[in-house]
N, C-alpha and C. Protein backbone atom coordinates (compact mmCIF):
# COMPACT_ATOMS: atom_id res chain seq x y z
N GLY A 1 44.58 -40.71 68.44
CA GLY A 1 43.52 -40.57 68.94
C GLY A 1 42.95 -39.17 69.34
N THR A 2 41.83 -39.03 69.20
CA THR A 2 40.57 -37.96 69.17
C THR A 2 39.57 -37.61 70.44
N HIS A 3 39.13 -36.56 70.36
CA HIS A 3 38.15 -36.02 71.75
C HIS A 3 36.93 -36.52 71.21
N PRO A 4 36.28 -37.19 72.30
CA PRO A 4 34.71 -37.48 72.60
C PRO A 4 33.80 -36.42 71.31
N LEU A 5 34.13 -35.13 71.38
CA LEU A 5 33.40 -34.15 70.57
C LEU A 5 33.62 -34.78 69.07
N TYR A 6 34.34 -35.33 68.76
CA TYR A 6 35.19 -35.95 67.23
C TYR A 6 34.43 -37.42 66.75
N HIS A 7 34.86 -38.19 67.75
CA HIS A 7 34.16 -39.34 67.46
C HIS A 7 32.75 -39.27 68.22
N GLY A 8 32.41 -38.74 68.97
CA GLY A 8 31.09 -39.13 69.27
C GLY A 8 30.72 -39.83 70.30
N MET A 9 31.69 -40.51 71.13
CA MET A 9 31.14 -41.43 72.30
C MET A 9 31.59 -40.51 73.33
N ARG A 10 30.70 -40.06 73.58
CA ARG A 10 30.62 -39.44 74.83
C ARG A 10 30.68 -39.88 76.06
N ASP A 11 29.49 -41.50 76.51
CA ASP A 11 29.15 -41.95 77.56
C ASP A 11 29.25 -43.08 76.99
N ASN A 12 29.23 -44.02 78.14
CA ASN A 12 28.71 -45.25 78.23
C ASN A 12 27.86 -45.90 77.65
N GLY A 13 27.60 -46.80 76.76
CA GLY A 13 26.37 -47.03 76.22
C GLY A 13 25.69 -45.85 75.54
N GLY A 14 24.62 -46.32 74.43
CA GLY A 14 23.88 -45.64 73.68
C GLY A 14 24.65 -45.00 72.90
N PHE A 15 26.40 -44.89 72.60
CA PHE A 15 26.44 -44.43 71.82
C PHE A 15 27.35 -45.38 70.89
N TYR A 16 27.28 -44.94 69.26
CA TYR A 16 27.78 -45.75 68.50
C TYR A 16 28.84 -45.34 67.82
N LEU A 17 30.06 -46.53 67.84
CA LEU A 17 31.35 -45.44 67.67
C LEU A 17 31.51 -45.97 65.73
N GLU A 18 30.80 -44.66 65.05
CA GLU A 18 30.69 -44.91 63.60
C GLU A 18 31.97 -45.97 62.99
N GLU A 19 31.52 -46.19 61.81
CA GLU A 19 32.82 -46.77 60.96
C GLU A 19 33.83 -45.65 60.31
N ASN A 20 33.39 -44.69 60.11
CA ASN A 20 34.34 -43.99 59.71
C ASN A 20 35.31 -43.35 60.73
N HIS A 21 35.70 -44.00 61.59
CA HIS A 21 36.38 -43.57 62.82
C HIS A 21 37.67 -44.62 62.68
N ILE A 22 38.62 -44.32 62.59
CA ILE A 22 39.63 -45.39 62.36
C ILE A 22 40.38 -46.02 63.60
N THR A 23 40.29 -46.91 64.09
CA THR A 23 40.57 -47.15 65.25
C THR A 23 42.00 -48.19 65.91
N LEU A 24 42.55 -48.07 66.68
CA LEU A 24 43.91 -48.50 66.40
C LEU A 24 44.44 -50.04 66.47
N ALA A 25 42.93 -50.50 66.34
CA ALA A 25 43.38 -52.07 66.12
C ALA A 25 42.98 -52.26 64.59
N GLU A 26 41.98 -51.37 63.72
CA GLU A 26 42.27 -51.56 62.48
C GLU A 26 43.89 -50.87 61.42
N VAL A 27 44.61 -49.95 62.46
CA VAL A 27 45.36 -49.93 61.75
C VAL A 27 46.74 -50.67 62.21
N LEU A 28 46.45 -51.57 63.10
CA LEU A 28 47.76 -52.41 63.26
C LEU A 28 46.88 -53.55 61.95
N LYS A 29 45.82 -54.30 62.36
CA LYS A 29 45.54 -55.44 61.20
C LYS A 29 45.86 -54.70 60.25
N THR A 30 45.49 -53.64 59.57
CA THR A 30 45.98 -53.33 58.34
C THR A 30 47.73 -53.66 57.78
N ASN A 31 48.31 -53.37 58.90
CA ASN A 31 49.91 -53.83 59.45
C ASN A 31 50.65 -54.69 59.61
N GLY A 32 48.91 -55.92 59.13
CA GLY A 32 49.56 -57.45 59.66
C GLY A 32 49.72 -57.93 61.07
N TYR A 33 48.96 -57.04 61.40
CA TYR A 33 49.07 -57.92 63.60
C TYR A 33 47.97 -58.28 63.70
N SER A 34 47.96 -59.77 64.25
CA SER A 34 46.82 -60.38 64.80
C SER A 34 45.97 -59.00 66.01
N THR A 35 44.75 -59.49 66.16
CA THR A 35 44.44 -58.41 66.74
C THR A 35 42.98 -58.59 67.99
N GLY A 36 43.33 -58.97 69.22
CA GLY A 36 41.98 -59.48 69.76
C GLY A 36 41.91 -58.26 70.86
N ALA A 37 40.58 -58.48 71.56
CA ALA A 37 40.41 -57.58 72.75
C ALA A 37 39.75 -58.40 73.86
N PHE A 38 39.03 -58.20 74.99
CA PHE A 38 38.97 -58.97 75.67
C PHE A 38 38.34 -58.25 77.32
N VAL A 39 37.18 -58.26 77.12
CA VAL A 39 36.71 -57.02 78.00
C VAL A 39 36.10 -58.02 79.25
N GLY A 40 35.45 -56.65 80.33
CA GLY A 40 35.44 -57.43 81.48
C GLY A 40 33.83 -56.93 81.63
N ALA A 41 33.20 -55.89 81.16
CA ALA A 41 31.86 -55.59 81.34
C ALA A 41 31.21 -55.14 80.17
N PHE A 42 29.84 -55.17 80.05
CA PHE A 42 28.97 -54.85 79.12
C PHE A 42 28.82 -53.35 78.75
N VAL A 43 29.70 -52.50 79.45
CA VAL A 43 29.85 -51.09 79.02
C VAL A 43 30.62 -51.11 77.85
N LEU A 44 31.65 -52.03 77.14
CA LEU A 44 32.36 -52.32 76.22
C LEU A 44 32.08 -53.29 74.94
N ASP A 45 31.12 -53.77 75.36
CA ASP A 45 30.11 -54.57 74.52
C ASP A 45 30.34 -54.18 72.76
N SER A 46 30.41 -54.82 72.05
CA SER A 46 30.62 -55.06 70.60
C SER A 46 29.42 -54.31 70.06
N ARG A 47 28.27 -54.31 70.00
CA ARG A 47 27.49 -53.54 70.07
C ARG A 47 27.42 -51.87 69.92
N TRP A 48 28.17 -51.23 70.65
CA TRP A 48 28.55 -50.00 70.68
C TRP A 48 29.41 -49.99 69.25
N GLY A 49 29.81 -50.72 68.79
CA GLY A 49 31.07 -50.52 67.63
C GLY A 49 32.21 -50.72 67.93
N LEU A 50 32.65 -50.75 69.24
CA LEU A 50 34.62 -50.79 69.64
C LEU A 50 35.11 -52.02 69.28
N ASP A 51 34.07 -52.83 68.42
CA ASP A 51 35.19 -53.83 68.14
C ASP A 51 35.68 -53.64 66.65
N GLN A 52 35.55 -52.69 66.09
CA GLN A 52 36.13 -52.43 65.20
C GLN A 52 37.81 -52.90 64.81
N GLY A 53 38.26 -53.46 64.08
CA GLY A 53 39.57 -54.02 63.86
C GLY A 53 39.86 -54.85 64.67
N PHE A 54 39.14 -55.69 65.34
CA PHE A 54 39.63 -56.78 66.11
C PHE A 54 39.30 -57.99 65.28
N ASP A 55 40.57 -59.24 65.06
CA ASP A 55 40.19 -60.09 64.65
C ASP A 55 39.55 -61.48 65.74
N TYR A 56 39.32 -60.87 67.07
CA TYR A 56 38.93 -61.48 67.64
C TYR A 56 38.18 -60.26 68.98
N TYR A 57 36.77 -60.49 69.71
CA TYR A 57 36.65 -59.61 70.15
C TYR A 57 35.79 -60.25 71.07
N TYR A 58 36.60 -60.84 72.90
CA TYR A 58 35.47 -61.44 73.62
C TYR A 58 34.62 -60.57 74.51
N ASP A 59 33.78 -60.42 73.83
CA ASP A 59 32.65 -59.65 75.15
C ASP A 59 31.51 -61.16 75.75
N ASN A 60 30.53 -61.66 74.56
CA ASN A 60 29.85 -62.59 74.83
C ASN A 60 29.26 -63.06 76.45
N PHE A 61 28.24 -61.82 76.59
CA PHE A 61 27.97 -61.86 77.89
C PHE A 61 26.52 -62.27 77.20
N ASP A 62 26.34 -63.14 78.93
CA ASP A 62 24.77 -63.58 78.53
C ASP A 62 23.88 -63.09 79.25
N LEU A 63 23.00 -62.34 78.86
CA LEU A 63 22.48 -61.22 79.51
C LEU A 63 20.89 -62.06 80.36
N THR A 64 21.06 -63.19 79.54
CA THR A 64 19.73 -63.66 80.13
C THR A 64 19.74 -64.38 81.57
N LYS A 65 21.10 -63.86 82.51
CA LYS A 65 21.14 -64.53 83.92
C LYS A 65 20.86 -63.45 84.51
N TYR A 66 20.47 -62.40 84.16
CA TYR A 66 20.24 -60.82 85.03
C TYR A 66 19.18 -61.12 84.65
N LYS A 67 18.07 -60.03 86.17
CA LYS A 67 17.03 -59.72 86.09
C LYS A 67 17.07 -58.32 85.16
N THR A 68 17.40 -57.85 85.81
CA THR A 68 17.96 -56.36 84.97
C THR A 68 19.07 -56.60 84.68
N VAL A 69 19.30 -55.62 83.39
CA VAL A 69 20.33 -54.81 82.98
C VAL A 69 20.36 -53.80 82.52
N SER A 70 22.15 -53.55 83.34
CA SER A 70 22.64 -52.31 83.48
C SER A 70 23.90 -52.49 83.48
N LEU A 71 24.50 -51.11 82.76
CA LEU A 71 25.79 -51.06 82.61
C LEU A 71 26.75 -51.78 83.07
N ASP A 72 26.77 -51.17 84.67
CA ASP A 72 27.51 -51.41 86.16
C ASP A 72 27.42 -53.14 85.80
N SER A 73 25.93 -53.87 86.09
CA SER A 73 25.80 -54.27 86.87
C SER A 73 26.33 -55.84 85.74
N VAL A 74 26.41 -56.15 84.59
CA VAL A 74 26.80 -56.86 83.81
C VAL A 74 28.34 -56.92 83.48
N GLN A 75 28.86 -57.85 84.24
CA GLN A 75 30.75 -58.03 84.31
C GLN A 75 30.75 -59.76 84.46
N ARG A 76 31.99 -59.94 83.99
CA ARG A 76 32.87 -60.88 84.86
C ARG A 76 34.73 -60.30 85.33
N ARG A 77 34.33 -61.10 86.26
CA ARG A 77 36.13 -61.54 87.23
C ARG A 77 36.88 -61.31 85.93
N GLY A 78 38.41 -60.99 86.41
CA GLY A 78 39.51 -60.63 85.54
C GLY A 78 39.98 -61.97 85.70
N ASP A 79 40.42 -62.63 86.53
CA ASP A 79 40.47 -64.00 86.07
C ASP A 79 40.16 -64.79 84.94
N GLU A 80 38.93 -64.52 84.31
CA GLU A 80 38.00 -64.94 83.71
C GLU A 80 38.45 -64.08 82.49
N VAL A 81 38.99 -62.92 82.26
CA VAL A 81 39.38 -61.97 81.27
C VAL A 81 40.77 -62.36 80.64
N LEU A 82 41.59 -62.61 81.97
CA LEU A 82 42.77 -62.57 81.64
C LEU A 82 42.96 -64.62 80.83
N ALA A 83 42.03 -65.15 81.46
CA ALA A 83 42.40 -66.61 80.50
C ALA A 83 41.89 -66.66 79.70
N GLU A 84 40.67 -66.05 79.34
CA GLU A 84 40.42 -65.55 77.91
C GLU A 84 41.72 -65.52 76.94
N ALA A 85 42.53 -64.02 77.43
CA ALA A 85 43.40 -63.36 77.11
C ALA A 85 44.62 -64.23 76.63
N CYS A 86 44.89 -65.49 77.67
CA CYS A 86 46.28 -65.76 77.76
C CYS A 86 45.64 -67.23 76.57
N LYS A 87 44.99 -67.68 76.57
CA LYS A 87 44.32 -68.38 75.47
C LYS A 87 44.38 -67.84 74.03
N TRP A 88 44.39 -67.04 74.32
CA TRP A 88 44.22 -66.42 72.51
C TRP A 88 46.13 -66.04 72.13
N LEU A 89 46.43 -65.67 73.13
CA LEU A 89 47.92 -65.39 73.34
C LEU A 89 48.63 -66.66 72.85
N GLU A 90 48.19 -67.65 73.40
CA GLU A 90 49.19 -68.68 73.03
C GLU A 90 49.16 -69.21 71.95
N LYS A 91 47.61 -69.02 70.82
CA LYS A 91 47.86 -68.90 69.22
C LYS A 91 48.34 -68.25 68.45
N ASN A 92 48.49 -66.91 69.15
CA ASN A 92 48.47 -65.59 67.79
C ASN A 92 50.01 -65.21 68.37
N SER A 93 50.51 -65.74 69.44
CA SER A 93 51.51 -64.42 69.81
C SER A 93 53.01 -65.04 68.87
N GLN A 94 52.97 -66.30 68.35
CA GLN A 94 54.41 -66.25 67.15
C GLN A 94 54.27 -65.06 66.30
N ASP A 95 53.39 -63.81 65.83
CA ASP A 95 53.76 -63.27 64.68
C ASP A 95 53.71 -61.65 65.87
N LYS A 96 53.77 -61.07 65.39
CA LYS A 96 52.82 -59.97 65.46
C LYS A 96 51.78 -59.53 65.80
N PHE A 97 51.46 -58.99 67.09
CA PHE A 97 50.07 -59.21 67.82
C PHE A 97 49.66 -57.70 68.99
N PHE A 98 48.28 -57.32 68.65
CA PHE A 98 48.07 -56.35 69.55
C PHE A 98 47.03 -56.70 70.29
N ALA A 99 47.25 -56.80 71.84
CA ALA A 99 45.85 -57.63 73.01
C ALA A 99 45.73 -56.60 73.91
N TRP A 100 44.12 -56.04 73.72
CA TRP A 100 43.75 -55.28 74.38
C TRP A 100 42.95 -56.25 75.51
N ILE A 101 43.40 -55.81 76.19
CA ILE A 101 42.86 -56.80 78.06
C ILE A 101 42.12 -56.01 79.10
N HIS A 102 41.09 -55.33 79.07
CA HIS A 102 40.22 -54.46 79.94
C HIS A 102 39.73 -55.53 81.31
N LEU A 103 40.33 -55.12 82.27
CA LEU A 103 40.05 -55.58 84.03
C LEU A 103 39.22 -54.72 84.41
N TYR A 104 37.69 -54.99 84.57
CA TYR A 104 36.67 -53.94 85.61
C TYR A 104 36.48 -54.13 86.97
N ASP A 105 37.03 -54.81 87.52
CA ASP A 105 37.19 -55.44 88.96
C ASP A 105 37.04 -53.91 89.67
N PRO A 106 38.00 -52.93 89.35
CA PRO A 106 38.31 -51.64 90.69
C PRO A 106 37.23 -50.83 90.07
N HIS A 107 35.70 -51.44 89.84
CA HIS A 107 34.35 -49.80 89.69
C HIS A 107 33.73 -50.95 90.57
N THR A 108 33.08 -49.77 90.84
CA THR A 108 31.49 -50.21 91.41
C THR A 108 30.63 -50.85 90.78
N PRO A 109 29.92 -51.96 91.46
CA PRO A 109 30.11 -52.55 92.89
C PRO A 109 31.10 -53.53 93.29
N TYR A 110 31.91 -52.71 94.24
CA TYR A 110 33.01 -53.32 94.92
C TYR A 110 32.91 -54.46 95.37
N ASN A 111 32.95 -55.70 94.73
CA ASN A 111 32.95 -56.95 94.99
C ASN A 111 34.07 -57.89 94.80
N PRO A 112 35.52 -57.71 95.69
CA PRO A 112 36.69 -58.44 95.35
C PRO A 112 36.21 -60.00 96.01
N PRO A 113 37.05 -61.29 95.22
CA PRO A 113 37.08 -62.53 95.42
C PRO A 113 37.49 -62.68 96.77
N GLU A 114 37.44 -63.83 97.47
CA GLU A 114 38.40 -64.23 98.69
C GLU A 114 39.77 -64.30 98.31
N PRO A 115 40.53 -64.25 99.20
CA PRO A 115 40.35 -63.69 100.61
C PRO A 115 40.40 -61.69 100.64
N TYR A 116 40.09 -61.69 99.25
CA TYR A 116 40.40 -59.93 99.52
C TYR A 116 38.84 -59.39 100.09
N LYS A 117 38.30 -59.94 99.81
CA LYS A 117 36.35 -59.72 100.59
C LYS A 117 36.82 -59.35 102.36
N THR A 118 36.89 -60.35 102.23
CA THR A 118 37.46 -60.61 103.99
C THR A 118 38.54 -59.29 104.28
N GLN A 119 39.58 -59.44 104.31
CA GLN A 119 40.83 -58.44 104.56
C GLN A 119 40.56 -57.80 104.50
N TYR A 120 39.79 -57.14 103.55
CA TYR A 120 39.76 -55.52 103.26
C TYR A 120 38.74 -55.16 103.98
N SER A 121 37.56 -56.13 104.10
CA SER A 121 35.90 -55.34 104.72
C SER A 121 36.01 -54.66 106.16
N GLY A 122 35.29 -53.87 106.71
CA GLY A 122 35.45 -53.20 107.79
C GLY A 122 35.95 -51.79 107.99
N ARG A 123 35.96 -51.73 106.62
CA ARG A 123 36.41 -50.05 106.82
C ARG A 123 35.97 -49.48 105.70
N ARG A 124 35.43 -48.14 105.75
CA ARG A 124 34.77 -47.35 104.85
C ARG A 124 35.75 -47.36 103.28
N PHE A 125 34.97 -48.26 102.58
CA PHE A 125 35.95 -48.08 100.60
C PHE A 125 37.11 -49.48 100.77
N GLY A 126 36.82 -50.14 101.75
CA GLY A 126 38.21 -51.05 102.30
C GLY A 126 37.55 -52.19 101.04
N LEU A 127 36.68 -52.31 100.14
CA LEU A 127 36.23 -53.65 99.09
C LEU A 127 36.93 -52.74 98.56
N TYR A 128 36.97 -51.62 97.96
CA TYR A 128 37.88 -51.40 96.49
C TYR A 128 39.27 -51.10 97.15
N ASP A 129 39.92 -51.21 97.88
CA ASP A 129 41.35 -51.84 97.72
C ASP A 129 41.43 -53.11 97.95
N GLY A 130 40.12 -54.24 98.09
CA GLY A 130 40.49 -55.18 98.11
C GLY A 130 40.54 -55.71 96.21
N GLU A 131 39.20 -54.99 95.81
CA GLU A 131 39.48 -54.80 94.34
C GLU A 131 41.18 -54.46 93.81
N ILE A 132 41.15 -53.38 93.93
CA ILE A 132 43.26 -53.17 93.45
C ILE A 132 44.00 -54.07 94.00
N ALA A 133 44.08 -54.59 94.95
CA ALA A 133 44.52 -56.14 95.34
C ALA A 133 44.44 -57.06 94.43
N TYR A 134 43.59 -57.33 94.22
CA TYR A 134 43.28 -58.22 93.23
C TYR A 134 43.68 -58.53 92.34
N VAL A 135 43.29 -56.81 91.28
CA VAL A 135 44.10 -56.74 90.29
C VAL A 135 45.55 -56.94 89.96
N ASP A 136 45.94 -56.34 90.95
CA ASP A 136 47.65 -56.58 91.77
C ASP A 136 48.01 -57.70 91.18
N LEU A 137 47.34 -58.87 91.61
CA LEU A 137 47.56 -59.79 91.93
C LEU A 137 47.64 -60.59 90.18
N LEU A 138 46.11 -60.12 89.13
CA LEU A 138 46.29 -60.72 88.02
C LEU A 138 47.75 -60.29 87.46
N MET A 139 47.70 -59.00 87.48
CA MET A 139 49.16 -58.54 87.04
C MET A 139 50.12 -59.21 87.11
N GLY A 140 50.61 -59.78 88.24
CA GLY A 140 51.44 -60.50 88.21
C GLY A 140 51.75 -61.96 88.33
N ASP A 141 50.47 -62.18 87.74
CA ASP A 141 49.83 -63.73 87.11
C ASP A 141 50.73 -63.36 85.51
N PHE A 142 49.82 -62.63 84.91
CA PHE A 142 50.29 -62.30 83.71
C PHE A 142 51.68 -62.20 82.77
N ARG A 143 52.21 -61.10 84.27
CA ARG A 143 54.14 -60.80 83.85
C ARG A 143 54.25 -62.68 84.39
N SER A 144 54.01 -63.03 84.28
CA SER A 144 54.82 -64.83 84.89
C SER A 144 54.44 -65.47 83.68
N PHE A 145 52.96 -65.03 82.90
CA PHE A 145 52.77 -65.63 81.69
C PHE A 145 53.57 -65.25 80.47
N MET A 146 53.25 -63.84 80.52
CA MET A 146 54.44 -63.08 79.45
C MET A 146 55.96 -64.04 79.65
N GLU A 147 56.66 -63.87 80.65
CA GLU A 147 57.77 -64.42 80.92
C GLU A 147 57.97 -65.86 80.29
N GLU A 148 57.03 -66.46 81.05
CA GLU A 148 56.81 -68.23 80.41
C GLU A 148 57.11 -68.27 78.92
N LYS A 149 56.49 -67.26 78.05
CA LYS A 149 56.15 -67.80 76.34
C LYS A 149 57.81 -66.44 76.55
N ASN A 150 58.24 -66.26 77.16
CA ASN A 150 59.07 -65.11 76.53
C ASN A 150 59.09 -64.05 75.51
N LEU A 151 57.61 -63.64 75.53
CA LEU A 151 57.04 -62.23 75.17
C LEU A 151 57.65 -61.23 75.91
N MET A 152 58.14 -61.29 77.52
CA MET A 152 58.38 -59.88 77.60
C MET A 152 59.29 -58.40 76.96
N GLU A 153 60.41 -59.78 76.57
CA GLU A 153 61.40 -58.64 75.87
C GLU A 153 61.07 -58.19 74.78
N LYS A 154 59.87 -58.79 74.01
CA LYS A 154 59.85 -58.40 72.68
C LYS A 154 58.11 -57.67 72.21
N THR A 155 57.60 -57.10 73.85
CA THR A 155 56.30 -56.93 73.30
C THR A 155 56.27 -55.08 74.13
N LEU A 156 55.66 -53.87 73.49
CA LEU A 156 55.32 -53.06 74.27
C LEU A 156 54.09 -52.87 75.31
N ILE A 157 54.39 -52.91 76.37
CA ILE A 157 52.80 -53.13 77.44
C ILE A 157 52.58 -51.82 78.11
N ILE A 158 51.27 -51.47 78.09
CA ILE A 158 51.07 -50.15 78.47
C ILE A 158 49.58 -50.78 79.16
N PHE A 159 50.24 -50.12 80.74
CA PHE A 159 49.07 -50.02 81.60
C PHE A 159 48.27 -49.04 82.10
N THR A 160 47.25 -48.60 81.81
CA THR A 160 46.21 -47.56 81.86
C THR A 160 44.78 -47.65 82.58
N SER A 161 44.53 -46.18 82.76
CA SER A 161 43.21 -46.78 83.18
C SER A 161 42.35 -45.39 82.80
N ASP A 162 40.60 -45.74 82.10
CA ASP A 162 39.87 -44.93 81.84
C ASP A 162 39.05 -43.63 82.74
N HIS A 163 39.15 -43.85 84.08
CA HIS A 163 38.76 -42.98 85.05
C HIS A 163 39.80 -43.19 86.46
N GLY A 164 39.61 -41.99 87.23
CA GLY A 164 40.57 -43.31 89.26
C GLY A 164 38.81 -42.45 89.59
N GLU A 165 38.92 -42.48 91.07
CA GLU A 165 37.84 -42.64 91.55
C GLU A 165 37.68 -41.94 92.51
N SER A 166 36.82 -41.09 93.04
CA SER A 166 36.68 -40.48 93.98
C SER A 166 36.05 -41.20 95.34
N LEU A 167 36.74 -41.46 96.68
CA LEU A 167 36.34 -42.16 98.07
C LEU A 167 36.06 -41.06 98.88
N GLY A 168 34.86 -40.23 98.63
CA GLY A 168 34.51 -39.23 99.96
C GLY A 168 35.41 -37.85 99.55
N GLU A 169 36.28 -37.98 98.19
CA GLU A 169 36.76 -36.56 98.14
C GLU A 169 35.67 -35.48 97.20
N HIS A 170 35.84 -34.29 98.11
CA HIS A 170 34.55 -33.33 97.60
C HIS A 170 33.36 -33.88 98.05
N LYS A 171 32.70 -34.85 99.04
CA LYS A 171 31.41 -35.49 98.66
C LYS A 171 31.03 -35.89 97.76
N GLU A 172 31.87 -36.76 96.86
CA GLU A 172 31.80 -37.36 95.42
C GLU A 172 32.00 -39.06 95.95
N ASN A 173 31.57 -39.95 95.67
CA ASN A 173 31.52 -41.61 95.80
C ASN A 173 31.38 -41.73 94.89
N ALA A 174 32.39 -42.84 94.14
CA ALA A 174 32.68 -43.42 92.72
C ALA A 174 33.56 -42.38 91.43
N HIS A 175 32.49 -42.01 90.93
CA HIS A 175 33.48 -41.26 89.79
C HIS A 175 32.04 -40.78 89.07
N GLY A 176 32.70 -40.05 87.74
CA GLY A 176 31.69 -39.33 86.77
C GLY A 176 30.91 -37.65 87.04
N PHE A 177 30.97 -37.31 88.17
CA PHE A 177 30.26 -35.97 88.58
C PHE A 177 31.59 -34.82 88.14
N PHE A 178 32.47 -35.28 88.41
CA PHE A 178 33.27 -33.84 88.84
C PHE A 178 34.71 -34.02 88.11
N ILE A 179 35.58 -33.18 87.86
CA ILE A 179 36.74 -33.48 87.08
C ILE A 179 38.03 -32.86 87.96
N TYR A 180 37.51 -33.07 89.40
CA TYR A 180 39.04 -33.24 90.25
C TYR A 180 40.20 -34.12 89.98
N ASP A 181 41.50 -34.13 90.09
CA ASP A 181 42.39 -34.75 90.23
C ASP A 181 42.05 -36.44 90.62
N SER A 182 41.07 -37.12 91.50
CA SER A 182 40.68 -38.09 91.94
C SER A 182 39.96 -38.71 91.18
N ASP A 183 39.18 -37.73 90.34
CA ASP A 183 38.24 -38.63 88.63
C ASP A 183 39.34 -38.74 87.83
N ILE A 184 40.41 -38.09 87.38
CA ILE A 184 40.72 -37.76 86.06
C ILE A 184 42.67 -38.10 86.26
N ARG A 185 43.04 -38.14 86.96
CA ARG A 185 44.12 -38.75 87.33
C ARG A 185 44.56 -40.04 87.08
N VAL A 186 44.83 -40.69 86.31
CA VAL A 186 45.24 -42.22 86.33
C VAL A 186 46.49 -42.55 85.88
N PRO A 187 46.58 -43.84 86.14
CA PRO A 187 48.14 -44.60 86.38
C PRO A 187 48.29 -44.86 84.52
N LEU A 188 49.86 -44.58 84.32
CA LEU A 188 50.41 -44.85 82.63
C LEU A 188 51.53 -45.18 82.98
N ILE A 189 51.56 -46.53 82.56
CA ILE A 189 52.79 -47.14 82.74
C ILE A 189 53.10 -47.96 81.36
N ILE A 190 54.46 -47.47 80.90
CA ILE A 190 54.90 -48.09 79.60
C ILE A 190 55.88 -48.44 79.73
N ARG A 191 55.60 -50.13 79.24
CA ARG A 191 57.13 -51.10 79.54
C ARG A 191 57.56 -51.28 77.99
N PHE A 192 58.79 -50.88 77.68
CA PHE A 192 59.34 -50.61 76.25
C PHE A 192 60.01 -52.24 76.30
N PRO A 193 59.82 -52.82 75.12
CA PRO A 193 60.89 -54.10 74.87
C PRO A 193 62.56 -53.49 75.45
N GLU A 194 63.02 -55.06 75.67
CA GLU A 194 64.47 -54.20 76.19
C GLU A 194 64.53 -53.50 77.18
N ASN A 195 63.64 -53.25 78.09
CA ASN A 195 63.49 -52.58 78.90
C ASN A 195 64.29 -51.02 78.96
N LYS A 196 63.66 -50.98 77.68
CA LYS A 196 64.10 -49.53 77.25
C LYS A 196 63.37 -48.29 77.74
N PHE A 197 64.18 -47.27 78.16
CA PHE A 197 64.08 -46.07 79.31
C PHE A 197 63.41 -46.81 80.21
N GLN A 198 64.20 -47.87 80.83
CA GLN A 198 63.56 -48.62 82.26
C GLN A 198 64.01 -47.29 83.36
N GLY A 199 62.49 -46.86 84.27
CA GLY A 199 62.79 -46.01 85.23
C GLY A 199 62.39 -44.57 84.62
N SER A 200 62.16 -44.03 83.64
CA SER A 200 61.86 -42.82 83.06
C SER A 200 60.68 -42.29 83.68
N VAL A 201 60.43 -41.18 84.59
CA VAL A 201 59.45 -40.49 84.77
C VAL A 201 58.82 -39.50 84.04
N ILE A 202 58.13 -39.36 83.28
CA ILE A 202 57.93 -37.93 82.38
C ILE A 202 56.56 -37.13 83.51
N THR A 203 57.35 -35.64 83.97
CA THR A 203 56.86 -34.94 84.83
C THR A 203 55.62 -33.62 84.65
N ASN A 204 56.04 -33.39 83.06
CA ASN A 204 54.58 -33.27 82.11
C ASN A 204 53.66 -34.01 82.22
N GLN A 205 52.49 -32.98 82.34
CA GLN A 205 51.08 -33.63 82.04
C GLN A 205 51.02 -34.31 80.15
N VAL A 206 50.41 -35.40 80.68
CA VAL A 206 50.56 -36.31 79.41
C VAL A 206 48.80 -36.78 79.62
N ARG A 207 48.27 -37.29 78.59
CA ARG A 207 47.13 -37.94 78.35
C ARG A 207 46.50 -38.92 77.13
N SER A 208 45.63 -39.48 77.48
CA SER A 208 45.42 -40.61 76.93
C SER A 208 45.21 -40.56 75.45
N ILE A 209 44.78 -39.24 74.48
CA ILE A 209 44.62 -38.83 74.11
C ILE A 209 46.29 -39.18 72.69
N ASP A 210 47.42 -39.12 73.72
CA ASP A 210 48.52 -39.42 73.08
C ASP A 210 48.93 -40.70 73.22
N ILE A 211 48.18 -41.71 73.56
CA ILE A 211 48.49 -42.98 73.64
C ILE A 211 48.84 -44.09 71.83
N MET A 212 47.65 -43.29 71.67
CA MET A 212 47.19 -44.36 70.02
C MET A 212 48.94 -43.41 69.70
N PRO A 213 48.66 -42.10 69.41
CA PRO A 213 49.60 -41.59 68.61
C PRO A 213 51.69 -41.78 68.93
N THR A 214 51.54 -42.43 69.87
CA THR A 214 52.97 -42.91 70.43
C THR A 214 53.22 -44.21 70.14
N ILE A 215 52.20 -45.43 70.90
CA ILE A 215 52.32 -46.91 70.23
C ILE A 215 52.67 -46.50 68.64
N LEU A 216 52.24 -45.74 67.36
CA LEU A 216 51.79 -45.77 66.38
C LEU A 216 53.47 -45.40 66.14
N ASN A 217 53.98 -44.18 66.50
CA ASN A 217 55.83 -43.69 66.33
C ASN A 217 56.57 -44.95 66.73
N MET A 218 56.15 -45.35 68.07
CA MET A 218 57.38 -46.09 68.37
C MET A 218 57.27 -47.42 67.38
N LEU A 219 56.05 -47.70 66.70
CA LEU A 219 56.17 -49.18 66.09
C LEU A 219 57.08 -48.44 64.47
N GLY A 220 56.82 -47.12 64.26
CA GLY A 220 57.34 -47.33 63.15
C GLY A 220 56.08 -46.38 61.98
N GLY A 221 55.13 -46.36 62.43
CA GLY A 221 53.94 -46.19 61.68
C GLY A 221 53.90 -44.26 61.37
N ARG A 222 52.37 -44.27 61.00
CA ARG A 222 52.12 -43.36 60.77
C ARG A 222 51.85 -42.60 62.34
N SER A 223 51.31 -41.38 62.82
CA SER A 223 50.96 -40.67 63.49
C SER A 223 50.09 -39.86 63.14
C-alpha cells in the first residue's frame, strides 16, 4: 500500500489513478489469479482508473436514470452487488481468484430496505443502524454461499471499511470533516483458511496501508 500523497487519489472523484501505480489486482493477475471487482457506488466507477488489474469490473451505472448525478446519489443496493459477485464466483472460483466486493449501504443517505427501515426508524441515526443490520444479513448470506461452494476453508477473507461515521460526535454528522476515532477507526477482520489464528486479536495499531503487503506476504509473494 501507499499513501495518497504518493498515488494521488486524495478524494473520491476528480482524481485518476495513473497506470504507473501497481495495484493488488495487477500483482495477483500477473501471478495467475482471476480478478473481479463489484462496486456499489459511482465513487468507485472505473472512470477513475480503479479497474486496473481486474478481468471484470462491475460498475455499469446507468446515469440516465438520475436527474442530477452526484458521487453520493448514484449507488446500488448490496444485494445487487453480492448477486453479481456470486455469479462471477460460480464461474471463476475453481482456480485462484481475487474478488473485491464493495458494499455502500451504510453510507449517506441512510435508506435501508424493509423491514429495517421501519424497525430502526423513529430515532436519530436509527436508519444508519438499519443499514448496518442489512449489511450484516448480506454478510451472512455471502458466508452461506461460500460454505455451499466449499470455498471458506481455502479462501483468505478480509472485511474492512474505508472510514467510520460520526453520529453527532464532536458536532459532526457523517464523516470527512475531522480525524477523530469515530471517523478513522474501522473494523478489520481477517479470516485465514482452515481457521488459522482463529480468535487472535491484535492490540497494536494497524493501518489499511498494510493490507496489501500482508496479503502478498501470506500468499508468498513480494511485499
